[in-house]
Amino acid sequence: MVGPSLAIAIGSMWLLVSFVDAYSLGQESKESAATQSVSQSSTTPPAADLRRSDLILTVDGDPYAPDKPLAGELEIFGSTRMQQLASLWSEEFRQVHADVAFKINCQGSEESFPKLASGKSVLGLISREVSDEELEKWSKELGTPLTAITVGYDVLALIVNPQNPIRGLSWNSKLGTPLSLNDEKLVSKWGELGIESPLAEQSISHHVLSKKHGLRTVADRVQLTAKGNEAAVHEHESQQDIIDAVAKDVAALGLISAVRCPRNKVRPLAISVDAARFISPMDTLATEKGYPLKRALTLVVAKSEDVAAKQSLVDEFVTYVLSRQGQEVLSKDGILPLDVSELSAQKEKLGWTVLK
């Protein structure tokens, strides 16, 4: 290996394996090129300094201004990733509606939609995009018309053991994964990514969430389409379990929310979308710079039979979620809020009149 950065020609594309620190990789505007090599610096801020939850974001949306306080009970089921967000929302919502009680029980995205049949004051949280086909299928099974709206975006990070020398991967936009060398060949061993012995001959050990979690759907596309064999896939019940497993296994690869990444235990991988500039998931402007790994966070509700009139409590809560205050809460949990056009699109899905 020549120098601390090495460009490796593999097949028809170039993959850069850089020894640049993940934070430095995210600061393209301050460096002449992402391929510049720097050592791990004592001036690199700790992970806590890079948390999106520490940012003060400019958030779009109308201010939340309810007509009157409401009372009742709301039940929220689904995504474990969104459980803390649901708690933050409920706390702020109750500052206005003190007589509203919340029941929050998040055991996994894929277990949420059946709960919607238990009553109208129920909301489902799913930490992935929900297709129109899925929504139609669920609506038929439950006998209740459902609507799915996007409430924000979660930036994701592929993580490796700190002893693994790889620092970055190149994104294949056609296959939607960085674990391919071209449009045909998929990676199964670390050596195919330019890693030398003794890791070279080891299969990539994929650590993923179980199928009841929304993140598994993303992992199936990003990681497991490139798996070498079923023995190299290990399922877990929480993102923390993935972190702990990757921290113990030099051949491991995991996918987690970037804001959950403890850089003292594992290392997040930067991704290049143009084979030249690498973007770190820890960069607070990562998605604006083209970082490709993010997932939509979805709220599923039963449609009101009369679209001209809101279901008082459920729709009041949804109104709050899509308001400026509700969107500001997302940043406290490291989640990207919606812009004004996305907010309008969600309101149109709900059948609400949107002024343009």
Protein backbone atom coordinates (compact mmCIF):
# COMPACT_ATOMS: atom_id res chain seq x y z
CA MET A 1 0.00 0.00 0.00
CA VAL A 2 1.40 3.36 -1.03
CA GLY A 3 0.87 6.22 1.39
CA PRO A 4 -2.15 6.65 3.65
CA SER A 5 -4.62 6.84 0.75
CA LEU A 6 -4.81 4.33 -2.06
CA ALA A 7 -6.97 4.30 -5.17
CA ILE A 8 -7.65 0.75 -6.20
CA ALA A 9 -8.76 -0.19 -9.70
CA ILE A 10 -11.36 -2.91 -9.44
CA GLY A 11 -13.17 -4.05 -12.56
CA SER A 12 -14.53 -1.05 -14.44
CA MET A 13 -14.71 1.41 -11.57
CA TRP A 14 -12.35 2.92 -9.03
CA LEU A 15 -12.89 2.50 -5.34
CA LEU A 16 -11.07 4.85 -3.01
CA VAL A 17 -10.00 3.40 0.30
CA SER A 18 -9.05 6.49 2.22
CA PHE A 19 -7.43 6.86 5.60
CA VAL A 20 -8.96 10.27 6.09
CA ASP A 21 -10.84 10.73 9.35
CA ALA A 22 -14.63 10.58 8.95
CA TYR A 23 -15.08 14.10 10.25
CA SER A 24 -12.44 15.49 7.89
CA LEU A 25 -14.10 13.65 5.02
CA GLY A 26 -17.26 15.60 5.73
CA GLN A 27 -15.58 18.98 5.43
CA GLU A 28 -15.15 19.20 1.65
CA SER A 29 -15.72 22.93 1.68
CA LYS A 30 -12.66 23.41 3.84
CA GLU A 31 -10.31 21.12 1.88
CA SER A 32 -9.21 21.09 -1.74
CA ALA A 33 -10.23 17.44 -2.28
CA ALA A 34 -11.57 14.49 -0.35
CA THR A 35 -8.59 12.42 -1.45
CA GLN A 36 -6.16 14.49 0.61
CA SER A 37 -4.64 12.30 3.27
CA VAL A 38 -4.54 13.37 6.90
CA SER A 39 -3.76 11.46 10.05
CA GLN A 40 -6.21 11.00 12.90
CA SER A 41 -6.08 14.42 14.53
CA SER A 42 -6.36 15.30 18.16
CA THR A 43 -8.41 18.30 17.07
CA THR A 44 -11.16 16.13 15.62
CA PRO A 45 -14.36 16.84 17.58
CA PRO A 46 -15.88 13.93 19.51
CA ALA A 47 -19.01 12.28 18.15
CA ALA A 48 -21.22 14.30 20.50
CA ASP A 49 -20.09 17.51 18.76
CA LEU A 50 -21.42 16.18 15.46
CA ARG A 51 -24.89 15.08 16.59
CA ARG A 52 -27.68 16.51 14.48
CA SER A 53 -29.69 16.75 17.68
CA ASP A 54 -27.36 19.57 18.76
CA LEU A 55 -28.15 21.68 15.71
CA ILE A 56 -30.50 24.64 15.58
CA LEU A 57 -32.29 24.12 12.29
CA THR A 58 -34.40 26.49 10.24
CA VAL A 59 -37.65 24.58 9.94
CA ASP A 60 -40.48 25.15 7.49
CA GLY A 61 -44.16 24.83 8.27
CA ASP A 62 -47.03 26.84 9.67
CA PRO A 63 -47.04 27.58 13.41
CA TYR A 64 -49.24 25.29 15.46
CA ALA A 65 -52.31 27.24 16.61
CA PRO A 66 -55.14 24.96 17.81
CA ASP A 67 -58.68 26.29 18.19
CA LYS A 68 -59.10 24.83 21.68
CA PRO A 69 -57.59 22.24 24.04
CA LEU A 70 -58.74 18.66 23.43
CA ALA A 71 -59.08 15.62 25.67
CA GLY A 72 -58.88 11.88 25.06
CA GLU A 73 -56.33 9.12 24.48
CA LEU A 74 -53.97 8.50 21.59
CA GLU A 75 -52.22 5.18 21.01
CA ILE A 76 -48.96 5.08 19.07
CA PHE A 77 -47.44 1.81 17.88
CA GLY A 78 -44.56 0.78 15.65
CA SER A 79 -40.98 1.81 15.01
CA THR A 80 -38.45 1.48 17.80
CA ARG A 81 -36.35 4.14 16.02
CA MET A 82 -39.26 6.58 16.31
CA GLN A 83 -40.21 5.78 19.90
CA GLN A 84 -38.19 8.64 21.36
CA LEU A 85 -39.58 10.99 18.73
CA ALA A 86 -43.11 9.93 19.69
CA SER A 87 -42.34 10.66 23.34
CA LEU A 88 -40.96 14.11 22.50
CA TRP A 89 -44.01 14.88 20.37
CA SER A 90 -46.40 13.73 23.09
CA GLU A 91 -44.69 15.86 25.75
CA GLU A 92 -44.94 19.03 23.67
CA PHE A 93 -48.47 18.26 22.47
CA ARG A 94 -49.64 17.90 26.07
CA GLN A 95 -48.33 21.37 26.88
CA VAL A 96 -51.32 22.59 24.88
CA HIS A 97 -53.68 19.63 25.36
CA ALA A 98 -53.07 18.67 28.99
CA ASP A 99 -56.03 16.28 29.10
CA VAL A 100 -54.75 14.07 26.28
CA ALA A 101 -53.19 10.80 27.45
CA PHE A 102 -50.70 8.89 25.30
CA LYS A 103 -50.05 5.17 25.13
CA ILE A 104 -46.76 4.57 23.30
CA ASN A 105 -45.78 0.97 22.61
CA CYS A 106 -43.12 0.63 19.90
CA GLN A 107 -41.98 -2.93 19.23
CA GLY A 108 -41.08 -2.68 15.55
CA SER A 109 -42.33 -1.08 12.33
CA GLU A 110 -43.69 -4.22 10.74
CA GLU A 111 -45.89 -4.91 13.78
CA SER A 112 -47.61 -1.54 13.70
CA PHE A 113 -50.24 -1.66 10.98
CA PRO A 114 -52.47 -4.40 12.51
CA LYS A 115 -52.88 -2.17 15.57
CA LEU A 116 -54.61 0.43 13.42
CA ALA A 117 -57.70 -1.79 13.36
CA SER A 118 -58.13 -1.50 17.13
CA GLY A 119 -59.59 2.00 17.06
CA LYS A 120 -59.61 5.40 15.39
CA SER A 121 -57.36 7.10 17.94
CA VAL A 122 -54.37 5.03 16.83
CA LEU A 123 -51.27 6.03 14.88
CA GLY A 124 -48.67 3.71 13.35
CA LEU A 125 -44.99 4.59 13.07
CA ILE A 126 -42.98 2.90 10.31
CA SER A 127 -39.31 3.78 9.88
CA ARG A 128 -39.21 3.30 6.14
CA GLU A 129 -41.13 4.35 3.07
CA VAL A 130 -44.52 2.70 2.63
CA SER A 131 -45.56 1.89 -0.93
CA ASP A 132 -49.02 2.50 -2.37
CA GLU A 133 -49.34 -1.26 -2.91
CA GLU A 134 -48.63 -1.98 0.75
CA LEU A 135 -51.09 0.66 1.88
CA GLU A 136 -53.81 -0.74 -0.38
CA LYS A 137 -53.14 -4.27 0.87
CA TRP A 138 -53.24 -3.24 4.54
CA SER A 139 -56.41 -1.21 4.01
CA LYS A 140 -58.16 -4.25 2.51
CA GLU A 141 -56.97 -6.54 5.31
CA LEU A 142 -58.09 -4.14 8.03
CA GLY A 143 -61.25 -2.98 6.31
CA THR A 144 -60.15 0.59 6.99
CA PRO A 145 -58.77 3.09 4.47
CA LEU A 146 -55.28 4.16 5.55
CA THR A 147 -53.07 7.11 4.70
CA ALA A 148 -49.27 7.14 5.05
CA ILE A 149 -47.40 10.43 5.32
CA THR A 150 -43.68 11.12 5.56
CA VAL A 151 -42.76 13.08 8.68
CA GLY A 152 -38.95 13.30 8.34
CA TYR A 153 -35.77 11.52 7.24
CA ASP A 154 -33.23 9.43 9.13
CA VAL A 155 -29.63 9.56 7.87
CA LEU A 156 -28.01 6.10 7.99
CA ALA A 157 -24.43 4.94 8.40
CA LEU A 158 -22.63 1.76 7.44
CA ILE A 159 -20.30 0.93 10.33
CA VAL A 160 -17.21 -1.27 10.65
CA ASN A 161 -14.88 -2.40 13.40
CA PRO A 162 -12.15 0.18 14.19
CA GLN A 163 -9.50 -2.41 13.24
CA ASN A 164 -10.87 -2.68 9.71
CA PRO A 165 -8.64 -0.45 7.49
CA ILE A 166 -11.38 0.54 5.05
CA ARG A 167 -12.61 4.14 5.29
CA GLY A 168 -14.89 4.65 2.30
CA LEU A 169 -17.05 2.96 -0.33
CA SER A 170 -18.29 3.97 -3.78
CA TRP A 171 -22.03 4.10 -4.37
CA ASN A 172 -23.64 2.14 -7.19
CA SER A 173 -26.77 4.12 -8.00
CA LYS A 174 -28.15 1.43 -10.32
CA LEU A 175 -28.16 -1.26 -7.62
CA GLY A 176 -28.63 1.11 -4.67
CA THR A 177 -25.67 -0.27 -2.72
CA PRO A 178 -21.98 0.55 -2.19
CA LEU A 179 -21.13 -3.15 -2.06
CA SER A 180 -20.75 -3.75 -5.76
CA LEU A 181 -17.78 -3.31 -8.05
CA ASN A 182 -19.86 -2.78 -11.16
CA ASP A 183 -23.42 -3.38 -12.31
CA GLU A 184 -22.84 -7.12 -12.40
CA LYS A 185 -20.51 -8.21 -9.63
CA LEU A 186 -21.46 -7.98 -5.96
CA VAL A 187 -19.00 -8.10 -3.10
CA SER A 188 -18.88 -10.97 -0.60
CA LYS A 189 -15.33 -10.77 0.80
CA TRP A 190 -13.33 -7.87 2.20
CA GLY A 191 -10.45 -8.58 -0.17
CA GLU A 192 -12.65 -7.60 -3.11
CA LEU A 193 -12.67 -4.08 -1.67
CA GLY A 194 -8.87 -3.93 -1.67
CA ILE A 195 -8.37 -5.02 1.92
CA GLU A 196 -5.18 -7.04 2.39
CA SER A 197 -4.61 -10.18 4.46
CA PRO A 198 -5.49 -11.42 6.99
CA LEU A 199 -8.94 -9.85 6.48
CA ALA A 200 -8.91 -10.25 2.71
CA GLU A 201 -10.19 -13.83 2.63
CA GLN A 202 -12.89 -13.30 5.23
CA SER A 203 -16.52 -12.95 4.17
CA ILE A 204 -18.23 -9.71 5.06
CA SER A 205 -20.18 -10.47 8.23
CA HIS A 206 -23.50 -8.64 7.90
CA HIS A 207 -25.20 -7.54 11.13
CA VAL A 208 -28.80 -6.48 10.57
CA LEU A 209 -32.03 -5.98 12.48
CA SER A 210 -34.72 -8.66 12.46
CA LYS A 211 -37.50 -8.46 9.90
CA LYS A 212 -39.95 -6.79 12.27
CA HIS A 213 -37.94 -3.55 12.00
CA GLY A 214 -38.16 -0.98 9.21
CA LEU A 215 -34.38 -0.67 8.96
CA ARG A 216 -34.20 -4.30 7.82
CA THR A 217 -35.90 -3.34 4.57
CA VAL A 218 -33.09 -0.88 3.86
CA ALA A 219 -30.44 -3.40 4.92
CA ASP A 220 -31.92 -6.01 2.57
CA ARG A 221 -31.28 -3.64 -0.31
CA VAL A 222 -28.00 -2.04 0.78
CA GLN A 223 -26.26 -4.99 2.48
CA LEU A 224 -27.89 -8.30 1.82
CA THR A 225 -28.22 -8.04 -1.95
CA ALA A 226 -24.42 -8.34 -1.80
CA LYS A 227 -24.20 -11.14 0.73
CA GLY A 228 -21.90 -14.03 0.05
CA ASN A 229 -23.78 -16.66 2.03
CA GLU A 230 -26.52 -16.95 4.62
CA ALA A 231 -24.00 -17.88 7.32
CA ALA A 232 -22.58 -14.35 7.11
CA VAL A 233 -25.90 -12.74 8.12
CA HIS A 234 -26.59 -12.12 11.83
CA GLU A 235 -29.91 -10.74 13.04
CA HIS A 236 -30.33 -8.47 16.08
CA GLU A 237 -33.20 -6.82 17.92
CA SER A 238 -31.76 -3.34 18.38
CA GLN A 239 -29.31 -0.93 16.81
CA GLN A 240 -27.25 -1.09 20.01
CA ASP A 241 -26.91 -4.85 19.53
CA ILE A 242 -25.55 -4.22 16.03
CA ILE A 243 -23.05 -1.69 17.40
CA ASP A 244 -21.87 -4.10 20.09
CA ALA A 245 -21.48 -6.94 17.57
CA VAL A 246 -19.54 -4.83 15.07
CA ALA A 247 -17.27 -3.59 17.86
CA LYS A 248 -16.26 -7.22 18.54
CA ASP A 249 -15.86 -8.49 14.96
CA VAL A 250 -13.21 -7.10 12.58
CA ALA A 251 -15.06 -8.62 9.59
CA ALA A 252 -18.41 -7.08 10.54
CA LEU A 253 -20.53 -4.56 8.67
CA GLY A 254 -23.67 -2.99 10.12
CA LEU A 255 -26.27 -0.38 9.18
CA ILE A 256 -27.58 2.02 11.83
CA SER A 257 -28.91 5.55 12.24
CA ALA A 258 -25.95 7.91 11.92
CA VAL A 259 -26.99 9.85 15.00
CA ARG A 260 -26.70 6.64 17.04
CA CYS A 261 -23.11 5.98 15.96
CA PRO A 262 -20.62 5.95 18.88
CA ARG A 263 -17.31 6.69 17.20
CA ASN A 264 -15.37 5.43 20.21
CA LYS A 265 -16.68 1.88 19.49
CA VAL A 266 -17.21 1.63 15.71
CA ARG A 267 -16.31 3.64 12.61
CA PRO A 268 -18.85 5.07 10.12
CA LEU A 269 -17.89 4.73 6.46
CA ALA A 270 -17.87 7.66 4.08
CA ILE A 271 -19.54 7.14 0.70
CA SER A 272 -18.62 8.58 -2.69
CA VAL A 273 -21.30 9.10 -5.32
CA ASP A 274 -18.86 10.31 -7.97
CA ALA A 275 -15.71 8.21 -7.25
CA ALA A 276 -13.87 11.36 -6.16
CA ARG A 277 -15.60 13.19 -3.33
CA PHE A 278 -16.35 11.19 -0.19
CA ILE A 279 -19.12 12.26 2.16
CA SER A 280 -19.28 11.20 5.80
CA PRO A 281 -22.67 10.34 7.33
CA MET A 282 -21.51 12.35 10.35
CA ASP A 283 -21.40 15.52 8.26
CA THR A 284 -24.44 17.57 9.27
CA LEU A 285 -24.88 18.61 5.63
CA ALA A 286 -24.36 15.09 4.27
CA THR A 287 -27.66 14.74 2.41
CA GLU A 288 -27.34 18.22 0.90
CA LYS A 289 -23.98 17.14 -0.52
CA GLY A 290 -25.47 14.02 -2.06
CA TYR A 291 -24.97 11.38 0.64
CA PRO A 292 -27.32 8.60 -0.50
CA LEU A 293 -28.13 6.62 2.64
CA LYS A 294 -31.30 7.91 4.28
CA ARG A 295 -34.77 6.56 4.92
CA ALA A 296 -38.19 8.15 5.14
CA LEU A 297 -39.94 8.01 8.50
CA THR A 298 -43.66 7.37 8.07
CA LEU A 299 -46.82 8.01 10.07
CA VAL A 300 -49.85 5.87 9.17
CA VAL A 301 -53.39 6.91 10.13
CA ALA A 302 -56.89 5.77 9.30
CA LYS A 303 -58.62 8.10 6.86
CA SER A 304 -61.59 10.07 8.03
CA GLU A 305 -64.78 9.04 6.23
CA ASP A 306 -65.50 12.72 5.71
CA VAL A 307 -62.32 14.19 4.24
CA ALA A 308 -63.72 17.69 4.65
CA ALA A 309 -63.78 17.28 8.42
CA LYS A 310 -60.89 16.29 10.64
CA GLN A 311 -61.03 13.44 13.13
CA SER A 312 -60.64 15.74 16.10
CA LEU A 313 -57.85 14.13 18.14
CA VAL A 314 -55.91 12.10 15.55
CA ASP A 315 -55.93 14.84 12.96
CA GLU A 316 -55.12 17.47 15.56
CA PHE A 317 -52.00 15.51 16.45
CA VAL A 318 -51.10 15.10 12.78
CA THR A 319 -51.61 18.84 12.31
CA TYR A 320 -49.13 19.42 15.12
CA VAL A 321 -46.60 16.93 13.65
CA LEU A 322 -46.67 18.77 10.31
CA SER A 323 -46.47 22.19 11.96
CA ARG A 324 -43.32 24.19 12.53
CA GLN A 325 -43.21 23.15 16.21
CA GLY A 326 -43.73 19.48 15.41
CA GLN A 327 -40.99 19.53 12.79
CA GLU A 328 -38.58 21.33 15.12
CA VAL A 329 -38.87 18.40 17.54
CA LEU A 330 -37.31 16.10 14.92
CA SER A 331 -33.92 17.79 15.23
CA LYS A 332 -33.82 16.89 18.94
CA ASP A 333 -33.63 13.25 17.87
CA GLY A 334 -31.22 13.77 14.97
CA ILE A 335 -33.93 13.53 12.30
CA LEU A 336 -34.12 15.76 9.22
CA PRO A 337 -37.38 17.76 8.94
CA LEU A 338 -39.43 18.23 5.79
CA ASP A 339 -39.16 21.28 3.57
CA VAL A 340 -42.18 23.38 2.68
CA SER A 341 -42.99 21.50 -0.54
CA GLU A 342 -42.80 18.13 1.24
CA LEU A 343 -45.09 19.41 3.99
CA SER A 344 -47.65 20.51 1.40
CA ALA A 345 -47.45 17.11 -0.30
CA GLN A 346 -48.23 15.30 2.98
CA LYS A 347 -51.24 17.53 3.66
CA GLU A 348 -52.56 16.78 0.18
CA LYS A 349 -52.25 13.05 0.91
CA LEU A 350 -54.49 13.62 3.91
CA GLY A 351 -57.07 15.39 1.75
CA TRP A 352 -56.51 18.71 3.46
CA THR A 353 -56.90 21.93 1.53
CA VAL A 354 -53.48 23.41 0.85
CA LEU A 355 -53.13 27.07 -0.09
CA LYS A 356 -50.57 27.64 -2.86
